[in-house]
C-alpha atoms as a PDB file:
ATOM      1  CA  MET A   1     104.190 104.410 140.591  1.00  0.00           C
ATOM      2  CA  SER A   2     104.467 107.911 142.012  1.00  0.00           C
ATOM      3  CA  GLN A   3     107.586 110.060 141.862  1.00  0.00           C
ATOM      4  CA  CYS A   4     109.426 110.179 145.172  1.00  0.00           C
ATOM      5  CA  THR A   5     112.338 112.094 146.622  1.00  0.00           C
ATOM      6  CA  GLN A   6     114.121 111.604 149.909  1.00  0.00           C
ATOM      7  CA  ARG A   7     112.217 114.580 151.303  1.00  0.00           C
ATOM      8  CA  ALA A   8     108.660 113.721 150.385  1.00  0.00           C
ATOM      9  CA  CYS A   9     106.550 111.192 148.523  1.00  0.00           C
ATOM     10  CA  MET A  10     102.930 111.006 147.492  1.00  0.00           C
ATOM     11  CA  PRO A  11     102.489 107.233 147.241  1.00  0.00           C
ATOM     12  CA  LYS A  12     100.003 105.343 145.169  1.00  0.00           C
ATOM     13  CA  ILE A  13      97.495 103.734 147.539  1.00  0.00           C
ATOM     14  CA  LEU A  14      96.978 100.076 146.661  1.00  0.00           C
ATOM     15  CA  ASP A  15      93.269  99.843 147.393  1.00  0.00           C
ATOM     16  CA  GLY A  16      92.569  96.209 148.207  1.00  0.00           C
ATOM     17  CA  LYS A  17      88.981  96.925 149.167  1.00  0.00           C
ATOM     18  CA  ALA A  18      88.063  98.273 145.734  1.00  0.00           C
ATOM     19  CA  LEU A  19      89.782  95.411 143.907  1.00  0.00           C
ATOM     20  CA  ALA A  20      88.189  92.837 146.224  1.00  0.00           C
ATOM     21  CA  ASN A  21      84.772  94.256 145.328  1.00  0.00           C
ATOM     22  CA  GLU A  22      85.593  93.723 141.639  1.00  0.00           C
ATOM     23  CA  VAL A  23      86.682  90.127 142.302  1.00  0.00           C
ATOM     24  CA  ARG A  24      83.519  89.335 144.268  1.00  0.00           C
ATOM     25  CA  LYS A  25      81.392  90.872 141.505  1.00  0.00           C
ATOM     26  CA  ARG A  26      83.173  88.722 138.922  1.00  0.00           C
ATOM     27  CA  VAL A  27      82.681  85.574 141.010  1.00  0.00           C
ATOM     28  CA  LYS A  28      78.984  86.372 141.443  1.00  0.00           C
ATOM     29  CA  GLU A  29      78.490  86.909 137.705  1.00  0.00           C
ATOM     30  CA  ASN A  30      80.315  83.678 136.834  1.00  0.00           C
ATOM     31  CA  ILE A  31      78.203  81.684 139.294  1.00  0.00           C
ATOM     32  CA  LYS A  32      74.966  83.139 137.902  1.00  0.00           C
ATOM     33  CA  SER A  33      76.096  82.405 134.354  1.00  0.00           C
ATOM     34  CA  THR A  34      76.810  78.756 135.183  1.00  0.00           C
ATOM     35  CA  GLN A  35      73.559  78.350 137.101  1.00  0.00           C
ATOM     36  CA  ALA A  36      71.631  79.575 134.061  1.00  0.00           C
ATOM     37  CA  LYS A  37      72.978  76.527 132.217  1.00  0.00           C
ATOM     38  CA  VAL A  38      73.151  74.109 135.169  1.00  0.00           C
ATOM     39  CA  PRO A  39      70.430  74.945 137.737  1.00  0.00           C
ATOM     40  CA  ASP A  40      71.774  72.554 140.392  1.00  0.00           C
ATOM     41  CA  TYR A  41      75.243  74.155 140.332  1.00  0.00           C
ATOM     42  CA  LYS A  42      75.591  75.511 143.879  1.00  0.00           C
ATOM     43  CA  PRO A  43      79.113  76.270 145.158  1.00  0.00           C
ATOM     44  CA  ARG A  44      79.350  75.731 148.914  1.00  0.00           C
ATOM     45  CA  LEU A  45      81.993  76.620 151.498  1.00  0.00           C
ATOM     46  CA  ALA A  46      82.106  74.798 154.845  1.00  0.00           C
ATOM     47  CA  VAL A  47      83.947  76.422 157.742  1.00  0.00           C
ATOM     48  CA  VAL A  48      84.777  74.660 160.997  1.00  0.00           C
ATOM     49  CA  GLN A  49      85.394  76.805 164.081  1.00  0.00           C
ATOM     50  CA  VAL A  50      86.692  75.281 167.289  1.00  0.00           C
ATOM     51  CA  GLY A  51      86.013  77.449 170.334  1.00  0.00           C
ATOM     52  CA  THR A  52      84.709  81.011 170.436  1.00  0.00           C
ATOM     53  CA  ARG A  53      87.721  83.288 169.908  1.00  0.00           C
ATOM     54  CA  GLU A  54      86.367  86.738 169.099  1.00  0.00           C
ATOM     55  CA  ASP A  55      89.018  87.530 166.487  1.00  0.00           C
ATOM     56  CA  SER A  56      88.199  84.273 164.673  1.00  0.00           C
ATOM     57  CA  SER A  57      84.489  85.071 164.834  1.00  0.00           C
ATOM     58  CA  VAL A  58      85.130  88.490 163.248  1.00  0.00           C
ATOM     59  CA  TYR A  59      86.988  86.882 160.332  1.00  0.00           C
ATOM     60  CA  LEU A  60      84.248  84.285 159.907  1.00  0.00           C
ATOM     61  CA  ARG A  61      81.534  86.935 159.709  1.00  0.00           C
ATOM     62  CA  MET A  62      83.517  88.642 156.936  1.00  0.00           C
ATOM     63  CA  LYS A  63      83.714  85.352 155.028  1.00  0.00           C
ATOM     64  CA  GLN A  64      80.033  84.663 155.559  1.00  0.00           C
ATOM     65  CA  ARG A  65      79.038  88.100 154.228  1.00  0.00           C
ATOM     66  CA  ALA A  66      81.269  87.658 151.187  1.00  0.00           C
ATOM     67  CA  ALA A  67      79.799  84.224 150.491  1.00  0.00           C
ATOM     68  CA  LYS A  68      76.248  85.581 150.670  1.00  0.00           C
ATOM     69  CA  GLU A  69      77.154  88.472 148.378  1.00  0.00           C
ATOM     70  CA  THR A  70      78.702  86.196 145.735  1.00  0.00           C
ATOM     71  CA  GLY A  71      76.012  83.502 145.834  1.00  0.00           C
ATOM     72  CA  ILE A  72      78.149  80.865 147.530  1.00  0.00           C
ATOM     73  CA  GLY A  73      76.472  78.623 150.086  1.00  0.00           C
ATOM     74  CA  PHE A  74      78.028  78.912 153.535  1.00  0.00           C
ATOM     75  CA  THR A  75      78.007  76.318 156.311  1.00  0.00           C
ATOM     76  CA  LEU A  76      79.487  77.168 159.704  1.00  0.00           C
ATOM     77  CA  GLU A  77      80.193  74.351 162.137  1.00  0.00           C
ATOM     78  CA  GLN A  78      80.900  75.680 165.622  1.00  0.00           C
ATOM     79  CA  LEU A  79      82.502  73.018 167.777  1.00  0.00           C
ATOM     80  CA  PRO A  80      83.379  73.246 171.482  1.00  0.00           C
ATOM     81  CA  GLU A  81      86.948  74.068 172.467  1.00  0.00           C
ATOM     82  CA  SER A  82      87.028  70.831 174.458  1.00  0.00           C
ATOM     83  CA  ILE A  83      86.560  68.666 171.363  1.00  0.00           C
ATOM     84  CA  SER A  84      89.229  66.012 170.940  1.00  0.00           C
ATOM     85  CA  GLU A  85      91.558  65.960 167.973  1.00  0.00           C
ATOM     86  CA  GLN A  86      90.083  62.664 166.789  1.00  0.00           C
ATOM     87  CA  GLU A  87      86.535  64.007 166.957  1.00  0.00           C
ATOM     88  CA  LEU A  88      87.577  67.020 164.880  1.00  0.00           C
ATOM     89  CA  LEU A  89      89.327  64.785 162.346  1.00  0.00           C
ATOM     90  CA  ASN A  90      86.195  62.661 162.060  1.00  0.00           C
ATOM     91  CA  ARG A  91      84.129  65.735 161.239  1.00  0.00           C
ATOM     92  CA  VAL A  92      86.675  66.887 158.669  1.00  0.00           C
ATOM     93  CA  ARG A  93      86.515  63.502 156.952  1.00  0.00           C
ATOM     94  CA  GLU A  94      82.706  63.668 156.873  1.00  0.00           C
ATOM     95  CA  LEU A  95      82.912  67.025 155.097  1.00  0.00           C
ATOM     96  CA  ASN A  96      85.507  65.553 152.715  1.00  0.00           C
ATOM     97  CA  GLU A  97      82.920  62.969 151.668  1.00  0.00           C
ATOM     98  CA  ASP A  98      80.046  65.461 151.324  1.00  0.00           C
ATOM     99  CA  SER A  99      79.671  66.065 147.584  1.00  0.00           C
ATOM    100  CA  LYS A 100      77.670  69.235 148.240  1.00  0.00           C
ATOM    101  CA  VAL A 101      80.703  70.871 149.887  1.00  0.00           C
ATOM    102  CA  HIS A 102      83.267  72.247 147.424  1.00  0.00           C
ATOM    103  CA  GLY A 103      85.548  74.148 149.767  1.00  0.00           C
ATOM    104  CA  MET A 104      86.498  73.565 153.379  1.00  0.00           C
ATOM    105  CA  ILE A 105      88.560  75.463 155.917  1.00  0.00           C
ATOM    106  CA  VAL A 106      89.244  74.901 159.585  1.00  0.00           C
ATOM    107  CA  GLN A 107      89.615  78.293 161.233  1.00  0.00           C
ATOM    108  CA  MET A 108      93.002  78.810 162.883  1.00  0.00           C
ATOM    109  CA  PRO A 109      94.320  78.967 165.519  1.00  0.00           C
ATOM    110  CA  LEU A 110      93.181  75.751 167.156  1.00  0.00           C
ATOM    111  CA  PRO A 111      93.342  74.947 170.885  1.00  0.00           C
ATOM    112  CA  PRO A 112      96.780  73.770 172.114  1.00  0.00           C
ATOM    113  CA  HIS A 113      95.704  70.128 172.469  1.00  0.00           C
ATOM    114  CA  ILE A 114      94.991  69.853 168.728  1.00  0.00           C
ATOM    115  CA  ASN A 115      97.795  69.545 166.177  1.00  0.00           C
ATOM    116  CA  GLU A 116      97.063  72.104 163.427  1.00  0.00           C
ATOM    117  CA  THR A 117      99.234  70.362 160.831  1.00  0.00           C
ATOM    118  CA  THR A 118      97.440  67.053 161.367  1.00  0.00           C
ATOM    119  CA  VAL A 119      94.086  68.744 160.837  1.00  0.00           C
ATOM    120  CA  ILE A 120      95.190  70.637 157.710  1.00  0.00           C
ATOM    121  CA  GLU A 121      96.592  67.478 156.143  1.00  0.00           C
ATOM    122  CA  ALA A 122      93.316  65.650 156.873  1.00  0.00           C
ATOM    123  CA  ILE A 123      91.423  68.043 154.570  1.00  0.00           C
ATOM    124  CA  ASP A 124      90.911  66.652 151.069  1.00  0.00           C
ATOM    125  CA  TYR A 125      93.334  68.715 148.975  1.00  0.00           C
ATOM    126  CA  HIS A 126      90.648  68.939 146.276  1.00  0.00           C
ATOM    127  CA  LYS A 127      88.647  71.049 148.784  1.00  0.00           C
ATOM    128  CA  ASP A 128      91.616  72.848 150.355  1.00  0.00           C
ATOM    129  CA  VAL A 129      90.520  76.341 149.307  1.00  0.00           C
ATOM    130  CA  ASP A 130      92.899  77.902 151.856  1.00  0.00           C
ATOM    131  CA  GLY A 131      95.760  76.340 149.889  1.00  0.00           C
ATOM    132  CA  PHE A 132      97.527  75.033 153.010  1.00  0.00           C
ATOM    133  CA  HIS A 133      97.636  71.291 152.273  1.00  0.00           C
ATOM    134  CA  ALA A 134     101.132  69.911 151.679  1.00  0.00           C
ATOM    135  CA  LEU A 135     100.229  68.718 148.184  1.00  0.00           C
ATOM    136  CA  ASN A 136      99.066  72.178 147.129  1.00  0.00           C
ATOM    137  CA  VAL A 137     102.006  73.928 148.817  1.00  0.00           C
ATOM    138  CA  GLY A 138     104.481  71.492 147.274  1.00  0.00           C
ATOM    139  CA  LYS A 139     103.070  71.939 143.772  1.00  0.00           C
ATOM    140  CA  MET A 140     103.186  75.704 144.240  1.00  0.00           C
ATOM    141  CA  ALA A 141     106.858  75.521 145.173  1.00  0.00           C
ATOM    142  CA  LYS A 142     107.808  73.480 142.092  1.00  0.00           C
ATOM    143  CA  ARG A 143     108.178  75.281 138.774  1.00  0.00           C
ATOM    144  CA  SER A 144     106.962  72.254 136.827  1.00  0.00           C
ATOM    145  CA  THR A 145     103.653  71.745 138.652  1.00  0.00           C
ATOM    146  CA  THR A 146     100.497  73.733 139.333  1.00  0.00           C
ATOM    147  CA  PRO A 147      98.572  73.503 142.634  1.00  0.00           C
ATOM    148  CA  LEU A 148      94.800  73.130 142.710  1.00  0.00           C
ATOM    149  CA  PHE A 149      94.660  76.232 144.925  1.00  0.00           C
ATOM    150  CA  LEU A 150      97.000  79.062 145.850  1.00  0.00           C
ATOM    151  CA  PRO A 151      96.959  80.348 149.460  1.00  0.00           C
ATOM    152  CA  CYS A 152      94.486  83.214 149.652  1.00  0.00           C
ATOM    153  CA  THR A 153      96.627  86.002 151.121  1.00  0.00           C
ATOM    154  CA  PRO A 154      99.692  85.479 148.870  1.00  0.00           C
ATOM    155  CA  LYS A 155      97.402  85.042 145.860  1.00  0.00           C
ATOM    156  CA  GLY A 156      95.618  88.283 146.776  1.00  0.00           C
ATOM    157  CA  ILE A 157      98.929  90.139 147.056  1.00  0.00           C
ATOM    158  CA  ILE A 158     100.016  89.105 143.562  1.00  0.00           C
ATOM    159  CA  GLU A 159      96.589  90.019 142.151  1.00  0.00           C
ATOM    160  CA  LEU A 160      96.809  93.436 143.821  1.00  0.00           C
ATOM    161  CA  LEU A 161     100.250  94.086 142.340  1.00  0.00           C
ATOM    162  CA  LYS A 162      99.190  92.987 138.850  1.00  0.00           C
ATOM    163  CA  ALA A 163      95.979  95.029 138.950  1.00  0.00           C
ATOM    164  CA  ASN A 164      98.076  98.103 139.692  1.00  0.00           C
ATOM    165  CA  LYS A 165     100.457  97.251 136.814  1.00  0.00           C
ATOM    166  CA  ILE A 166     103.454  96.844 139.112  1.00  0.00           C
ATOM    167  CA  SER A 167     106.119  94.842 137.314  1.00  0.00           C
ATOM    168  CA  LEU A 168     107.970  92.222 139.368  1.00  0.00           C
ATOM    169  CA  SER A 169     110.338  90.805 136.769  1.00  0.00           C
ATOM    170  CA  GLY A 170     113.951  91.498 137.722  1.00  0.00           C
ATOM    171  CA  LYS A 171     112.987  93.431 140.857  1.00  0.00           C
ATOM    172  CA  ASN A 172     114.501  92.886 144.293  1.00  0.00           C
ATOM    173  CA  ALA A 173     111.687  91.634 146.548  1.00  0.00           C
ATOM    174  CA  VAL A 174     112.133  91.307 150.297  1.00  0.00           C
ATOM    175  CA  VAL A 175     109.675  89.306 152.384  1.00  0.00           C
ATOM    176  CA  VAL A 176     109.813  89.940 156.126  1.00  0.00           C
ATOM    177  CA  GLY A 177     108.382  86.873 157.876  1.00  0.00           C
ATOM    178  CA  ARG A 178     108.600  83.184 156.945  1.00  0.00           C
ATOM    179  CA  SER A 179     105.265  81.722 158.024  1.00  0.00           C
ATOM    180  CA  ASP A 180     103.628  78.874 156.146  1.00  0.00           C
ATOM    181  CA  ILE A 181     100.529  81.026 155.650  1.00  0.00           C
ATOM    182  CA  VAL A 182     102.096  84.158 154.108  1.00  0.00           C
ATOM    183  CA  GLY A 183     105.889  84.470 154.173  1.00  0.00           C
ATOM    184  CA  PHE A 184     106.991  81.288 152.433  1.00  0.00           C
ATOM    185  CA  PRO A 185     104.185  81.085 149.841  1.00  0.00           C
ATOM    186  CA  VAL A 186     104.360  84.762 148.857  1.00  0.00           C
ATOM    187  CA  ALA A 187     108.118  84.392 148.375  1.00  0.00           C
ATOM    188  CA  ALA A 188     107.441  81.440 146.045  1.00  0.00           C
ATOM    189  CA  LEU A 189     104.859  83.409 144.046  1.00  0.00           C
ATOM    190  CA  LEU A 190     107.130  86.454 143.761  1.00  0.00           C
ATOM    191  CA  SER A 191     109.895  84.187 142.480  1.00  0.00           C
ATOM    192  CA  ALA A 192     107.458  82.693 139.962  1.00  0.00           C
ATOM    193  CA  GLU A 193     106.943  86.254 138.683  1.00  0.00           C
ATOM    194  CA  ASP A 194     110.723  86.482 138.112  1.00  0.00           C
ATOM    195  CA  ALA A 195     111.536  88.681 141.113  1.00  0.00           C
ATOM    196  CA  THR A 196     114.777  88.090 143.014  1.00  0.00           C
ATOM    197  CA  VAL A 197     113.539  87.210 146.482  1.00  0.00           C
ATOM    198  CA  THR A 198     115.104  87.527 149.934  1.00  0.00           C
ATOM    199  CA  ILE A 199     113.324  86.255 153.056  1.00  0.00           C
ATOM    200  CA  CYS A 200     114.051  88.014 156.349  1.00  0.00           C
ATOM    201  CA  HIS A 201     113.218  86.614 159.784  1.00  0.00           C
ATOM    202  CA  SER A 202     114.088  87.034 163.466  1.00  0.00           C
ATOM    203  CA  LYS A 203     117.656  85.779 162.928  1.00  0.00           C
ATOM    204  CA  THR A 204     118.427  87.971 159.905  1.00  0.00           C
ATOM    205  CA  GLU A 205     121.471  90.187 160.493  1.00  0.00           C
ATOM    206  CA  ASN A 206     121.431  93.838 159.435  1.00  0.00           C
ATOM    207  CA  ILE A 207     117.746  93.578 158.537  1.00  0.00           C
ATOM    208  CA  LYS A 208     117.461  97.328 157.978  1.00  0.00           C
ATOM    209  CA  SER A 209     120.084  97.284 155.231  1.00  0.00           C
ATOM    210  CA  VAL A 210     118.401  94.291 153.562  1.00  0.00           C
ATOM    211  CA  ILE A 211     115.017  96.037 153.621  1.00  0.00           C
ATOM    212  CA  ASN A 212     116.560  99.218 152.230  1.00  0.00           C
ATOM    213  CA  LYS A 213     117.511  97.370 149.029  1.00  0.00           C
ATOM    214  CA  ALA A 214     113.953  96.178 148.342  1.00  0.00           C
ATOM    215  CA  ASP A 215     112.073  97.372 145.275  1.00  0.00           C
ATOM    216  CA  VAL A 216     109.103  95.432 146.613  1.00  0.00           C
ATOM    217  CA  LEU A 217     108.676  94.893 150.354  1.00  0.00           C
ATOM    218  CA  VAL A 218     106.142  92.449 151.843  1.00  0.00           C
ATOM    219  CA  VAL A 219     105.821  92.447 155.625  1.00  0.00           C
ATOM    220  CA  ALA A 220     103.964  89.773 157.621  1.00  0.00           C
ATOM    221  CA  ILE A 221     105.339  89.429 161.152  1.00  0.00           C
ATOM    222  CA  GLY A 222     102.477  90.440 163.449  1.00  0.00           C
ATOM    223  CA  GLN A 223     104.426  93.238 165.182  1.00  0.00           C
ATOM    224  CA  PRO A 224     102.712  96.635 165.214  1.00  0.00           C
ATOM    225  CA  GLU A 225     104.525  99.294 163.156  1.00  0.00           C
ATOM    226  CA  PHE A 226     107.822  97.400 163.281  1.00  0.00           C
ATOM    227  CA  ILE A 227     109.112  98.621 159.898  1.00  0.00           C
ATOM    228  CA  LYS A 228     109.992 102.325 159.889  1.00  0.00           C
ATOM    229  CA  GLY A 229     109.910 104.662 156.910  1.00  0.00           C
ATOM    230  CA  GLU A 230     113.639 105.395 157.175  1.00  0.00           C
ATOM    231  CA  TRP A 231     114.383 101.716 156.445  1.00  0.00           C
ATOM    232  CA  ILE A 232     112.519 101.796 153.117  1.00  0.00           C
ATOM    233  CA  LYS A 233     114.087 102.492 149.744  1.00  0.00           C
ATOM    234  CA  PRO A 234     112.556 105.633 148.181  1.00  0.00           C
ATOM    235  CA  GLY A 235     109.932 104.663 145.638  1.00  0.00           C
ATOM    236  CA  ALA A 236     109.600 101.074 146.871  1.00  0.00           C
ATOM    237  CA  VAL A 237     106.305  99.175 146.780  1.00  0.00           C
ATOM    238  CA  VAL A 238     105.211  98.299 150.318  1.00  0.00           C
ATOM    239  CA  ILE A 239     102.725  95.503 151.019  1.00  0.00           C
ATOM    240  CA  ASP A 240     101.687  95.457 154.672  1.00  0.00           C
ATOM    241  CA  VAL A 241      99.997  92.170 155.599  1.00  0.00           C
ATOM    242  CA  GLY A 242      99.856  92.845 159.337  1.00  0.00           C
ATOM    243  CA  ILE A 243      96.736  93.859 161.195  1.00  0.00           C
ATOM    244  CA  ASN A 244      97.206  94.694 164.853  1.00  0.00           C
ATOM    245  CA  SER A 245      95.032  96.359 167.466  1.00  0.00           C
ATOM    246  CA  VAL A 246      96.779  99.095 169.481  1.00  0.00           C
ATOM    247  CA  THR A 247      95.609 101.491 172.171  1.00  0.00           C
ATOM    248  CA  ASP A 248      94.323 104.851 170.955  1.00  0.00           C
ATOM    249  CA  THR A 249      92.529 107.050 173.479  1.00  0.00           C
ATOM    250  CA  SER A 250      91.325 109.369 170.700  1.00  0.00           C
ATOM    251  CA  LYS A 251      89.045 106.612 169.395  1.00  0.00           C
ATOM    252  CA  ALA A 252      85.656 105.827 170.914  1.00  0.00           C
ATOM    253  CA  SER A 253      86.647 102.174 171.163  1.00  0.00           C
ATOM    254  CA  GLY A 254      89.984 103.067 172.736  1.00  0.00           C
ATOM    255  CA  LYS A 255      91.759 101.117 169.977  1.00  0.00           C
ATOM    256  CA  ARG A 256      92.771 101.362 166.340  1.00  0.00           C
ATOM    257  CA  LEU A 257      94.135  98.979 163.736  1.00  0.00           C
ATOM    258  CA  VAL A 258      97.671  99.300 162.421  1.00  0.00           C
ATOM    259  CA  GLY A 259      99.902  97.191 160.222  1.00  0.00           C
ATOM    260  CA  ASP A 260     103.417  95.851 160.671  1.00  0.00           C
ATOM    261  CA  VAL A 261     104.704  98.956 158.848  1.00  0.00           C
ATOM    262  CA  GLU A 262     104.639 102.436 160.381  1.00  0.00           C
ATOM    263  CA  TYR A 263     102.328 103.935 157.790  1.00  0.00           C
ATOM    264  CA  GLU A 264     102.858 107.587 158.715  1.00  0.00           C
ATOM    265  CA  THR A 265     106.597 107.485 157.994  1.00  0.00           C
ATOM    266  CA  ALA A 266     106.529 104.792 155.280  1.00  0.00           C
ATOM    267  CA  SER A 267     103.953 106.644 153.179  1.00  0.00           C
ATOM    268  CA  LYS A 268     106.376 109.569 152.901  1.00  0.00           C
ATOM    269  CA  VAL A 269     108.969 107.354 151.230  1.00  0.00           C
ATOM    270  CA  ALA A 270     107.150 104.554 149.410  1.00  0.00           C
ATOM    271  CA  GLY A 271     106.073 104.775 145.792  1.00  0.00           C
ATOM    272  CA  ALA A 272     103.051 102.595 146.475  1.00  0.00           C
ATOM    273  CA  ILE A 273     101.661 101.208 149.715  1.00  0.00           C
ATOM    274  CA  THR A 274      98.720  99.216 151.065  1.00  0.00           C
ATOM    275  CA  PRO A 275      96.609 100.812 153.793  1.00  0.00           C
ATOM    276  CA  VAL A 276      95.632  99.007 156.992  1.00  0.00           C
ATOM    277  CA  PRO A 277      92.786  98.244 157.067  1.00  0.00           C
ATOM    278  CA  GLY A 278      91.592  98.128 153.463  1.00  0.00           C
ATOM    279  CA  GLY A 279      94.656  96.687 151.775  1.00  0.00           C
ATOM    280  CA  VAL A 280      95.519  92.994 151.864  1.00  0.00           C
ATOM    281  CA  GLY A 281      92.705  91.871 154.186  1.00  0.00           C
ATOM    282  CA  PRO A 282      89.771  92.287 151.763  1.00  0.00           C
ATOM    283  CA  MET A 283      91.774  90.551 149.026  1.00  0.00           C
ATOM    284  CA  THR A 284      92.268  87.475 151.222  1.00  0.00           C
ATOM    285  CA  VAL A 285      88.518  87.007 151.614  1.00  0.00           C
ATOM    286  CA  ALA A 286      87.883  87.658 147.907  1.00  0.00           C
ATOM    287  CA  MET A 287      90.459  85.024 146.915  1.00  0.00           C
ATOM    288  CA  LEU A 288      88.724  82.524 149.220  1.00  0.00           C
ATOM    289  CA  MET A 289      85.467  83.086 147.328  1.00  0.00           C
ATOM    290  CA  GLU A 290      87.254  82.698 144.000  1.00  0.00           C
ATOM    291  CA  ASN A 291      88.958  79.471 145.132  1.00  0.00           C
ATOM    292  CA  THR A 292      85.607  78.053 146.237  1.00  0.00           C
ATOM    293  CA  MET A 293      84.088  78.837 142.844  1.00  0.00           C
ATOM    294  CA  ILE A 294      87.084  77.218 141.117  1.00  0.00           C
ATOM    295  CA  SER A 295      86.573  74.082 143.208  1.00  0.00           C
ATOM    296  CA  ALA A 296      82.865  73.964 142.344  1.00  0.00           C
ATOM    297  CA  ASN A 297      83.733  74.340 138.654  1.00  0.00           C
ATOM    298  CA  ARG A 298      86.126  71.400 138.870  1.00  0.00           C
ATOM    299  CA  ALA A 299      83.472  69.291 140.576  1.00  0.00           C
ATOM    300  CA  LEU A 300      81.023  70.131 137.794  1.00  0.00           C
ATOM    301  CA  GLU A 301      83.594  69.233 135.114  1.00  0.00           C
ATOM    302  CA  HIS A 302      84.294  65.941 136.885  1.00  0.00           C
ATOM    303  CA  ARG A 303      80.568  65.155 137.029  1.00  0.00           C
ATOM    304  CA  ASN A 304      80.188  65.863 133.313  1.00  0.00           C
ATOM    305  CA  GLU A 305      83.205  63.676 132.506  1.00  0.00           C
ATOM    306  CA  CYS A 306      81.760  60.826 134.585  1.00  0.00           C
ATOM    307  CA  GLN A 307      78.428  61.105 132.794  1.00  0.00           C
ATOM    308  CA  THR A 308      80.183  60.942 129.421  1.00  0.00           C
ATOM    309  CA  VAL A 309      82.195  57.876 130.447  1.00  0.00           C
ATOM    310  CA  CYS A 310      79.075  56.132 131.790  1.00  0.00           C
ATOM    311  CA  GLU A 311      77.228  56.793 128.531  1.00  0.00           C
ATOM    312  CA  GLU A 312      80.142  55.411 126.507  1.00  0.00           C
ATOM    313  CA  ARG A 313      80.270  52.274 128.649  1.00  0.00           C
ATOM    314  CA  LEU A 314      76.548  51.698 128.273  1.00  0.00           C
ATOM    315  CA  GLN A 315      76.632  51.930 124.466  1.00  0.00           C
ATOM    316  CA  PRO A 316      77.971  48.341 123.971  1.00  0.00           C
ATOM    317  CA  LEU A 317      74.917  47.067 125.837  1.00  0.00           C
ATOM    318  CA  PHE A 318      72.735  48.250 122.954  1.00  0.00           C
ATOM    319  CA  SER A 319      73.313  47.313 119.341  1.00  0.00           C
ATOM    320  CA  PHE A 320      71.231  47.544 116.166  1.00  0.00           C
ATOM    321  CA  ASN A 321      70.853  44.574 113.825  1.00  0.00           C
ATOM    322  CA  LEU A 322      70.786  45.950 110.271  1.00  0.00           C
ATOM    323  CA  PHE A 323      69.207  42.770 108.886  1.00  0.00           C
ATOM    324  CA  SER A 324      66.363  42.250 111.351  1.00  0.00           C
ATOM    325  CA  LYS A 325      66.065  46.014 112.127  1.00  0.00           C
ATOM    326  CA  LYS A 326      65.670  45.119 115.783  1.00  0.00           C
ATOM    327  CA  PHE A 327      67.535  46.390 118.840  1.00  0.00           C
ATOM    328  CA  LEU A 328      69.485  43.591 120.470  1.00  0.00           C
ATOM    329  CA  ILE A 329      70.450  43.845 124.119  1.00  0.00           C
ATOM    330  CA  SER A 330      73.668  42.043 124.993  1.00  0.00           C
ATOM    331  CA  THR A 331      73.710  40.127 128.207  1.00  0.00           C
ATOM    332  CA  SER A 332      76.022  41.257 130.980  1.00  0.00           C
ATOM    333  CA  LYS A 333      77.804  37.936 130.593  1.00  0.00           C
ATOM    334  CA  GLU A 334      78.677  38.758 126.971  1.00  0.00           C
ATOM    335  CA  VAL A 335      79.841  42.207 127.907  1.00  0.00           C
ATOM    336  CA  HIS A 336      82.189  40.783 130.521  1.00  0.00           C
ATOM    337  CA  LYS A 337      83.640  38.412 127.912  1.00  0.00           C
ATOM    338  CA  LYS A 338      84.593  41.412 125.833  1.00  0.00           C
END
């Protein structure tokens, strides 16, 4: 971590883009290595999009490019916004039963007439590579259990901190935002790393003073440049999850992307900080690819276990008579008697 004073600070930039490239490269190499031994090993991610929201389409194109780069099959199902909740649930269940699909996500947000929680809980938690299913979230929250998948953004944040050798044990961590997607799960993961965690939200009193005590600050509230540099403890690690489009007449597009933290002032105080874009965002997509590979690996292990069990069960059907030196085949009736 860089040395900071109250007057100036040259922060360490936590480059999520560079680390995400390393993760994708590792996933690609692992997939190729497994395919060399098992040619029909083909990890596949299925994504369901309801409607044609442009922001959702942008995220999906990022996921599709990452899947292609890592060697993961990608299936995109684009459904009309008018689809009923039951019709969507039926399609989710069909993908649950498709053995060629190892990971599945339903792109959020969904239209108002569809209950997002109902849809998330309908996904087979063995394929819940977003890590949003109640069974995976519950196991993440308990110290004595391990989820099949960790949520991609919180998982990416912890990976980014570890890769930059930022210790969390004993540190005061403040999470601003309590969403099911980022706030709550990242607080659980920070606690699992032995940080002392405080969650701030819209009803938190004296939020500036709480933030000022943070050694590690994670912000995910969807409000452009809400957190100011003067609120931040000198030398603190700042993780900005937000990505917001604001007007900027100096840009050809008339817009620019900013986080939930005012980067210009925060970067003068923080010891380390994520840029927007190029910080947390790329890590989220990389973790999705890694989760999909993990799911495919589990499916392969399960298939191998089933083959072993089947072979063991078939062995009693064949026996060798040492006296006649002939193979004797037991009847199914005899096997059942056993």
